Each structure stands twice: as C-alpha cells, then as structure tokens.
C-alpha cells in the first residue's frame, strides 16, 4: 500500500515557488480590475514610479527568501 511520507524541504520549496508564481501571474489581472498597487500595505509592496513605470519589491518576500536560503545553507552544511 501507499505510505504517507512527510513533505521534504525541496518539495515544500517547490510548492512555495508555484504559489508565488501564481500570485505574480494574478497581479496584472488585479491591476486591470482597478486595484491600485500604491494602496497596498508597505510590507507587501514597496515601490516607486519612475517616468510612468512602477518599480517595486516586497520586503516580506525578501525576508522569506533569505530565510529559505539560510535554511538550505544550514541543511547543506549539516
């Protein structure tokens, strides 16, 4: 029979990246519906508009990715 195995780190990272990819695909659709990116919470999106182009980043995403890289680094060393 099939045994249930816990999710390993690589599978969990893959699922996280798929979810983040879906979010990135949905952002332009939300913009077309009239949701303004400038009204987002500063921890979710921080950015500036330069000559009509909005350049932004997510501080929470940066923190999560740093934690994932640190976790992978520590798992590889041990």
PDB file of N, CA and C in Angstrom:
ATOM      1  N   UNK A   1       0.830  -1.186   0.000  1.00  0.00           N
ATOM      2  CA  UNK A   1       0.000   0.000   0.000  1.00  0.00           C
ATOM      3  C   UNK A   1       0.879   1.256   0.000  1.00  0.00           C
ATOM      4  N   UNK A   2       0.248   2.372  -0.285  1.00  0.00           N
ATOM      5  CA  UNK A   2       0.974   3.640  -0.295  1.00  0.00           C
ATOM      6  C   UNK A   2       1.119   4.162   1.125  1.00  0.00           C
ATOM      7  N   UNK A   3       2.338   4.491   1.498  1.00  0.00           N
ATOM      8  CA  UNK A   3       2.584   5.054   2.813  1.00  0.00           C
ATOM      9  C   UNK A   3       2.677   6.564   2.702  1.00  0.00           C
ATOM     10  N   UNK A   4       2.201   7.220   3.726  1.00  0.00           N
ATOM     11  CA  UNK A   4       2.280   8.686   3.740  1.00  0.00           C
ATOM     12  C   UNK A   4       3.652   9.093   4.241  1.00  0.00           C
ATOM     13  N   UNK A   5       4.310   9.942   3.474  1.00  0.00           N
ATOM     14  CA  UNK A   5       5.623  10.440   3.855  1.00  0.00           C
ATOM     15  C   UNK A   5       5.516  11.943   4.072  1.00  0.00           C
ATOM     16  N   UNK A   6       6.223  12.454   5.065  1.00  0.00           N
ATOM     17  CA  UNK A   6       6.181  13.905   5.278  1.00  0.00           C
ATOM     18  C   UNK A   6       6.839  14.632   4.107  1.00  0.00           C
ATOM     19  N   UNK A   7       6.414  15.869   3.910  1.00  0.00           N
ATOM     20  CA  UNK A   7       6.989  16.678   2.836  1.00  0.00           C
ATOM     21  C   UNK A   7       8.444  16.992   3.162  1.00  0.00           C
ATOM     22  N   UNK A   8       9.309  16.731   2.218  1.00  0.00           N
ATOM     23  CA  UNK A   8      10.701  17.109   2.445  1.00  0.00           C
ATOM     24  C   UNK A   8      10.881  18.576   2.055  1.00  0.00           C
ATOM     25  N   UNK A   9      12.034  19.131   2.373  1.00  0.00           N
ATOM     26  CA  UNK A   9      12.269  20.558   2.162  1.00  0.00           C
ATOM     27  C   UNK A   9      12.188  20.996   0.714  1.00  0.00           C
ATOM     28  N   UNK A  10      12.688  20.158  -0.179  1.00  0.00           N
ATOM     29  CA  UNK A  10      12.702  20.530  -1.590  1.00  0.00           C
ATOM     30  C   UNK A  10      11.285  20.561  -2.174  1.00  0.00           C
ATOM     31  N   UNK A  11      10.452  19.620  -1.759  1.00  0.00           N
ATOM     32  CA  UNK A  11       9.069  19.596  -2.224  1.00  0.00           C
ATOM     33  C   UNK A  11       8.307  20.802  -1.685  1.00  0.00           C
ATOM     34  N   UNK A  12       8.553  21.136  -0.428  1.00  0.00           N
ATOM     35  CA  UNK A  12       7.907  22.301   0.173  1.00  0.00           C
ATOM     36  C   UNK A  12       8.342  23.588  -0.522  1.00  0.00           C
ATOM     37  N   UNK A  13       9.618  23.684  -0.853  1.00  0.00           N
ATOM     38  CA  UNK A  13      10.115  24.852  -1.582  1.00  0.00           C
ATOM     39  C   UNK A  13       9.469  24.939  -2.967  1.00  0.00           C
ATOM     40  N   UNK A  14       9.314  23.806  -3.641  1.00  0.00           N
ATOM     41  CA  UNK A  14       8.664  23.794  -4.944  1.00  0.00           C
ATOM     42  C   UNK A  14       7.223  24.269  -4.876  1.00  0.00           C
ATOM     43  N   UNK A  15       6.498  23.814  -3.860  1.00  0.00           N
ATOM     44  CA  UNK A  15       5.108  24.255  -3.686  1.00  0.00           C
ATOM     45  C   UNK A  15       5.059  25.753  -3.413  1.00  0.00           C
ATOM     46  N   UNK A  16       5.971  26.243  -2.583  1.00  0.00           N
ATOM     47  CA  UNK A  16       6.031  27.676  -2.285  1.00  0.00           C
ATOM     48  C   UNK A  16       6.315  28.489  -3.544  1.00  0.00           C
ATOM     49  N   UNK A  17       7.222  28.024  -4.383  1.00  0.00           N
ATOM     50  CA  UNK A  17       7.540  28.747  -5.618  1.00  0.00           C
ATOM     51  C   UNK A  17       6.373  28.725  -6.606  1.00  0.00           C
ATOM     52  N   UNK A  18       5.620  27.642  -6.645  1.00  0.00           N
ATOM     53  CA  UNK A  18       4.441  27.586  -7.514  1.00  0.00           C
ATOM     54  C   UNK A  18       3.395  28.592  -7.050  1.00  0.00           C
ATOM     55  N   UNK A  19       3.173  28.664  -5.749  1.00  0.00           N
ATOM     56  CA  UNK A  19       2.198  29.624  -5.210  1.00  0.00           C
ATOM     57  C   UNK A  19       2.647  31.055  -5.494  1.00  0.00           C
ATOM     58  N   UNK A  20       3.934  31.342  -5.311  1.00  0.00           N
ATOM     59  CA  UNK A  20       4.445  32.679  -5.608  1.00  0.00           C
ATOM     60  C   UNK A  20       4.306  33.005  -7.092  1.00  0.00           C
ATOM     61  N   UNK A  21       4.520  32.026  -7.958  1.00  0.00           N
ATOM     62  CA  UNK A  21       4.343  32.234  -9.394  1.00  0.00           C
ATOM     63  C   UNK A  21       2.906  32.557  -9.739  1.00  0.00           C
ATOM     64  N   UNK A  22       1.967  31.863  -9.107  1.00  0.00           N
ATOM     65  CA  UNK A  22       0.552  32.156  -9.344  1.00  0.00           C
ATOM     66  C   UNK A  22       0.188  33.563  -8.880  1.00  0.00           C
ATOM     67  N   UNK A  23       0.751  33.971  -7.766  1.00  0.00           N
ATOM     68  CA  UNK A  23       0.498  35.331  -7.279  1.00  0.00           C
ATOM     69  C   UNK A  23       1.042  36.351  -8.272  1.00  0.00           C
ATOM     70  N   UNK A  24       2.235  36.107  -8.807  1.00  0.00           N
ATOM     71  CA  UNK A  24       2.813  37.038  -9.775  1.00  0.00           C
ATOM     72  C   UNK A  24       1.996  37.100 -11.065  1.00  0.00           C
ATOM     73  N   UNK A  25       1.365  36.001 -11.428  1.00  0.00           N
ATOM     74  CA  UNK A  25       0.511  35.997 -12.614  1.00  0.00           C
ATOM     75  C   UNK A  25      -0.775  36.770 -12.348  1.00  0.00           C
ATOM     76  N   UNK A  26      -1.281  36.715 -11.129  1.00  0.00           N
ATOM     77  CA  UNK A  26      -2.549  37.362 -10.803  1.00  0.00           C
ATOM     78  C   UNK A  26      -2.423  38.871 -10.578  1.00  0.00           C
ATOM     79  N   UNK A  27      -1.247  39.364 -10.278  1.00  0.00           N
ATOM     80  CA  UNK A  27      -1.077  40.799 -10.002  1.00  0.00           C
ATOM     81  C   UNK A  27      -1.498  41.674 -11.184  1.00  0.00           C
ATOM     82  N   UNK A  28      -1.105  41.383 -12.435  1.00  0.00           N
ATOM     83  CA  UNK A  28      -1.579  42.227 -13.542  1.00  0.00           C
ATOM     84  C   UNK A  28      -3.095  42.162 -13.736  1.00  0.00           C
ATOM     85  N   UNK A  29      -3.679  41.020 -13.442  1.00  0.00           N
ATOM     86  CA  UNK A  29      -5.136  40.912 -13.558  1.00  0.00           C
ATOM     87  C   UNK A  29      -5.835  41.786 -12.523  1.00  0.00           C
ATOM     88  N   UNK A  30      -5.284  41.835 -11.328  1.00  0.00           N
ATOM     89  CA  UNK A  30      -5.848  42.705 -10.299  1.00  0.00           C
ATOM     90  C   UNK A  30      -5.683  44.175 -10.672  1.00  0.00           C
ATOM     91  N   UNK A  31      -4.584  44.508 -11.311  1.00  0.00           N
ATOM     92  CA  UNK A  31      -4.356  45.885 -11.736  1.00  0.00           C
ATOM     93  C   UNK A  31      -5.388  46.298 -12.788  1.00  0.00           C
ATOM     94  N   UNK A  32      -5.768  45.378 -13.650  1.00  0.00           N
ATOM     95  CA  UNK A  32      -6.787  45.700 -14.666  1.00  0.00           C
ATOM     96  C   UNK A  32      -8.163  45.886 -14.047  1.00  0.00           C
ATOM     97  N   UNK A  33      -8.395  45.237 -12.902  1.00  0.00           N
ATOM     98  CA  UNK A  33      -9.681  45.385 -12.229  1.00  0.00           C
ATOM     99  C   UNK A  33      -9.784  46.696 -11.458  1.00  0.00           C
ATOM    100  N   UNK A  34      -8.714  47.434 -11.388  1.00  0.00           N
ATOM    101  CA  UNK A  34      -8.747  48.740 -10.753  1.00  0.00           C
ATOM    102  C   UNK A  34      -8.112  48.783  -9.376  1.00  0.00           C
ATOM    103  N   UNK A  35      -7.507  47.700  -8.932  1.00  0.00           N
ATOM    104  CA  UNK A  35      -6.832  47.700  -7.647  1.00  0.00           C
ATOM    105  C   UNK A  35      -5.514  48.448  -7.809  1.00  0.00           C
ATOM    106  N   UNK A  36      -5.317  49.466  -7.009  1.00  0.00           N
ATOM    107  CA  UNK A  36      -4.117  50.298  -7.107  1.00  0.00           C
ATOM    108  C   UNK A  36      -2.990  49.691  -6.288  1.00  0.00           C
ATOM    109  N   UNK A  37      -1.823  49.516  -6.905  1.00  0.00           N
ATOM    110  CA  UNK A  37      -0.680  48.956  -6.193  1.00  0.00           C
ATOM    111  C   UNK A  37      -0.152  49.916  -5.138  1.00  0.00           C
ATOM    112  N   UNK A  38      -0.340  51.193  -5.346  1.00  0.00           N
ATOM    113  CA  UNK A  38       0.159  52.177  -4.393  1.00  0.00           C
ATOM    114  C   UNK A  38      -0.585  52.105  -3.069  1.00  0.00           C
ATOM    115  N   UNK A  39      -1.791  51.532  -3.060  1.00  0.00           N
ATOM    116  CA  UNK A  39      -2.575  51.458  -1.831  1.00  0.00           C
ATOM    117  C   UNK A  39      -2.277  50.195  -1.030  1.00  0.00           C
ATOM    118  N   UNK A  40      -1.374  49.346  -1.490  1.00  0.00           N
ATOM    119  CA  UNK A  40      -1.018  48.111  -0.775  1.00  0.00           C
ATOM    120  C   UNK A  40      -0.209  48.457   0.468  1.00  0.00           C
ATOM    121  N   UNK A  41      -0.261  47.586   1.452  1.00  0.00           N
ATOM    122  CA  UNK A  41       0.489  47.776   2.688  1.00  0.00           C
ATOM    123  C   UNK A  41       1.989  47.790   2.378  1.00  0.00           C
ATOM    124  N   UNK A  42       2.779  48.631   3.056  1.00  0.00           N
ATOM    125  CA  UNK A  42       4.209  48.747   2.748  1.00  0.00           C
ATOM    126  C   UNK A  42       5.006  47.451   2.937  1.00  0.00           C
ATOM    127  N   UNK A  43       4.550  46.534   3.789  1.00  0.00           N
ATOM    128  CA  UNK A  43       5.261  45.269   3.934  1.00  0.00           C
ATOM    129  C   UNK A  43       4.969  44.322   2.778  1.00  0.00           C
ATOM    130  N   UNK A  44       3.852  44.505   2.102  1.00  0.00           N
ATOM    131  CA  UNK A  44       3.515  43.658   0.966  1.00  0.00           C
ATOM    132  C   UNK A  44       4.156  44.153  -0.321  1.00  0.00           C
ATOM    133  N   UNK A  45       4.162  45.453  -0.493  1.00  0.00           N
ATOM    134  CA  UNK A  45       4.727  46.017  -1.723  1.00  0.00           C
ATOM    135  C   UNK A  45       5.298  47.393  -1.428  1.00  0.00           C
ATOM    136  N   UNK A  46       6.544  47.582  -1.793  1.00  0.00           N
ATOM    137  CA  UNK A  46       7.198  48.870  -1.656  1.00  0.00           C
ATOM    138  C   UNK A  46       7.782  49.222  -3.007  1.00  0.00           C
ATOM    139  N   UNK A  47       7.473  50.397  -3.496  1.00  0.00           N
ATOM    140  CA  UNK A  47       7.996  50.748  -4.801  1.00  0.00           C
ATOM    141  C   UNK A  47       7.881  52.219  -5.115  1.00  0.00           C
ATOM    142  N   UNK A  48       8.364  52.558  -6.259  1.00  0.00           N
ATOM    143  CA  UNK A  48       8.353  53.935  -6.751  1.00  0.00           C
ATOM    144  C   UNK A  48       7.968  53.934  -8.221  1.00  0.00           C
ATOM    145  N   UNK A  49       7.452  55.069  -8.666  1.00  0.00           N
ATOM    146  CA  UNK A  49       7.099  55.250 -10.065  1.00  0.00           C
ATOM    147  C   UNK A  49       8.150  56.154 -10.706  1.00  0.00           C
ATOM    148  N   UNK A  50       8.778  55.652 -11.760  1.00  0.00           N
ATOM    149  CA  UNK A  50       9.790  56.399 -12.495  1.00  0.00           C
ATOM    150  C   UNK A  50       9.342  56.529 -13.942  1.00  0.00           C
ATOM    151  N   UNK A  51       9.083  57.716 -14.390  1.00  0.00           N
ATOM    152  CA  UNK A  51       8.702  58.002 -15.773  1.00  0.00           C
ATOM    153  C   UNK A  51       7.575  57.096 -16.271  1.00  0.00           C
ATOM    154  N   UNK A  52       6.573  56.890 -15.423  1.00  0.00           N
ATOM    155  CA  UNK A  52       5.421  56.094 -15.817  1.00  0.00           C
ATOM    156  C   UNK A  52       5.576  54.600 -15.620  1.00  0.00           C
ATOM    157  N   UNK A  53       6.725  54.150 -15.126  1.00  0.00           N
ATOM    158  CA  UNK A  53       6.951  52.725 -14.890  1.00  0.00           C
ATOM    159  C   UNK A  53       7.031  52.514 -13.380  1.00  0.00           C
ATOM    160  N   UNK A  54       6.253  51.564 -12.887  1.00  0.00           N
ATOM    161  CA  UNK A  54       6.257  51.264 -11.457  1.00  0.00           C
ATOM    162  C   UNK A  54       7.279  50.174 -11.178  1.00  0.00           C
ATOM    163  N   UNK A  55       8.268  50.482 -10.329  1.00  0.00           N
ATOM    164  CA  UNK A  55       9.302  49.531  -9.937  1.00  0.00           C
ATOM    165  C   UNK A  55       9.105  49.254  -8.459  1.00  0.00           C
ATOM    166  N   UNK A  56       8.914  47.973  -8.119  1.00  0.00           N
ATOM    167  CA  UNK A  56       8.638  47.662  -6.727  1.00  0.00           C
ATOM    168  C   UNK A  56       9.202  46.331  -6.300  1.00  0.00           C
ATOM    169  N   UNK A  57       9.188  46.129  -4.996  1.00  0.00           N
ATOM    170  CA  UNK A  57       9.621  44.877  -4.410  1.00  0.00           C
ATOM    171  C   UNK A  57       8.783  44.616  -3.166  1.00  0.00           C
ATOM    172  N   UNK A  58       8.880  43.427  -2.644  1.00  0.00           N
ATOM    173  CA  UNK A  58       8.141  43.055  -1.451  1.00  0.00           C
ATOM    174  C   UNK A  58       9.119  42.746  -0.324  1.00  0.00           C
ATOM    175  N   UNK A  59       9.109  43.553   0.723  1.00  0.00           N
ATOM    176  CA  UNK A  59      10.001  43.270   1.851  1.00  0.00           C
ATOM    177  C   UNK A  59       9.723  41.913   2.495  1.00  0.00           C
ATOM    178  N   UNK A  60       8.469  41.513   2.570  1.00  0.00           N
ATOM    179  CA  UNK A  60       8.146  40.207   3.151  1.00  0.00           C
ATOM    180  C   UNK A  60       8.717  39.092   2.286  1.00  0.00           C
ATOM    181  N   UNK A  61       8.617  39.232   0.971  1.00  0.00           N
ATOM    182  CA  UNK A  61       9.165  38.219   0.078  1.00  0.00           C
ATOM    183  C   UNK A  61      10.679  38.123   0.220  1.00  0.00           C
ATOM    184  N   UNK A  62      11.346  39.241   0.374  1.00  0.00           N
ATOM    185  CA  UNK A  62      12.800  39.240   0.558  1.00  0.00           C
ATOM    186  C   UNK A  62      13.160  38.534   1.861  1.00  0.00           C
ATOM    187  N   UNK A  63      12.426  38.793   2.931  1.00  0.00           N
ATOM    188  CA  UNK A  63      12.691  38.146   4.216  1.00  0.00           C
ATOM    189  C   UNK A  63      12.463  36.642   4.121  1.00  0.00           C
ATOM    190  N   UNK A  64      11.383  36.227   3.459  1.00  0.00           N
ATOM    191  CA  UNK A  64      11.091  34.797   3.307  1.00  0.00           C
ATOM    192  C   UNK A  64      12.186  34.115   2.494  1.00  0.00           C
ATOM    193  N   UNK A  65      12.600  34.743   1.399  1.00  0.00           N
ATOM    194  CA  UNK A  65      13.631  34.123   0.563  1.00  0.00           C
ATOM    195  C   UNK A  65      14.974  34.048   1.293  1.00  0.00           C
ATOM    196  N   UNK A  66      15.304  35.053   2.096  1.00  0.00           N
ATOM    197  CA  UNK A  66      16.533  34.986   2.889  1.00  0.00           C
ATOM    198  C   UNK A  66      16.460  33.842   3.896  1.00  0.00           C
ATOM    199  N   UNK A  67      15.297  33.644   4.515  1.00  0.00           N
ATOM    200  CA  UNK A  67      15.128  32.545   5.464  1.00  0.00           C
ATOM    201  C   UNK A  67      15.260  31.197   4.760  1.00  0.00           C
ATOM    202  N   UNK A  68      14.696  31.074   3.555  1.00  0.00           N
ATOM    203  CA  UNK A  68      14.798  29.817   2.803  1.00  0.00           C
ATOM    204  C   UNK A  68      16.253  29.550   2.420  1.00  0.00           C
ATOM    205  N   UNK A  69      16.954  30.554   1.928  1.00  0.00           N
ATOM    206  CA  UNK A  69      18.366  30.374   1.562  1.00  0.00           C
ATOM    207  C   UNK A  69      19.211  30.009   2.784  1.00  0.00           C
ATOM    208  N   UNK A  70      18.941  30.653   3.917  1.00  0.00           N
ATOM    209  CA  UNK A  70      19.674  30.334   5.137  1.00  0.00           C
ATOM    210  C   UNK A  70      19.380  28.903   5.581  1.00  0.00           C
ATOM    211  N   UNK A  71      18.125  28.493   5.514  1.00  0.00           N
ATOM    212  CA  UNK A  71      17.738  27.126   5.861  1.00  0.00           C
ATOM    213  C   UNK A  71      18.432  26.108   4.946  1.00  0.00           C
ATOM    214  N   UNK A  72      18.417  26.362   3.645  1.00  0.00           N
ATOM    215  CA  UNK A  72      19.085  25.456   2.713  1.00  0.00           C
ATOM    216  C   UNK A  72      20.594  25.401   2.951  1.00  0.00           C
ATOM    217  N   UNK A  73      21.178  26.550   3.260  1.00  0.00           N
ATOM    218  CA  UNK A  73      22.614  26.606   3.551  1.00  0.00           C
ATOM    219  C   UNK A  73      22.946  25.787   4.795  1.00  0.00           C
ATOM    220  N   UNK A  74      22.134  25.934   5.834  1.00  0.00           N
ATOM    221  CA  UNK A  74      22.393  25.214   7.079  1.00  0.00           C
ATOM    222  C   UNK A  74      22.146  23.715   6.915  1.00  0.00           C
ATOM    223  N   UNK A  75      21.139  23.336   6.120  1.00  0.00           N
ATOM    224  CA  UNK A  75      20.884  21.924   5.886  1.00  0.00           C
ATOM    225  C   UNK A  75      21.991  21.283   5.063  1.00  0.00           C
ATOM    226  N   UNK A  76      22.576  22.033   4.159  1.00  0.00           N
ATOM    227  CA  UNK A  76      23.646  21.505   3.320  1.00  0.00           C
ATOM    228  C   UNK A  76      24.930  21.312   4.130  1.00  0.00           C
ATOM    229  N   UNK A  77      25.186  22.209   5.085  1.00  0.00           N
ATOM    230  CA  UNK A  77      26.392  22.096   5.912  1.00  0.00           C
ATOM    231  C   UNK A  77      26.313  20.920   6.873  1.00  0.00           C
ATOM    232  N   UNK A  78      25.105  20.644   7.388  1.00  0.00           N
ATOM    233  CA  UNK A  78      24.950  19.607   8.428  1.00  0.00           C
ATOM    234  C   UNK A  78      24.707  18.311   7.843  1.00  0.00           C
TER     235      UNK A  78
END
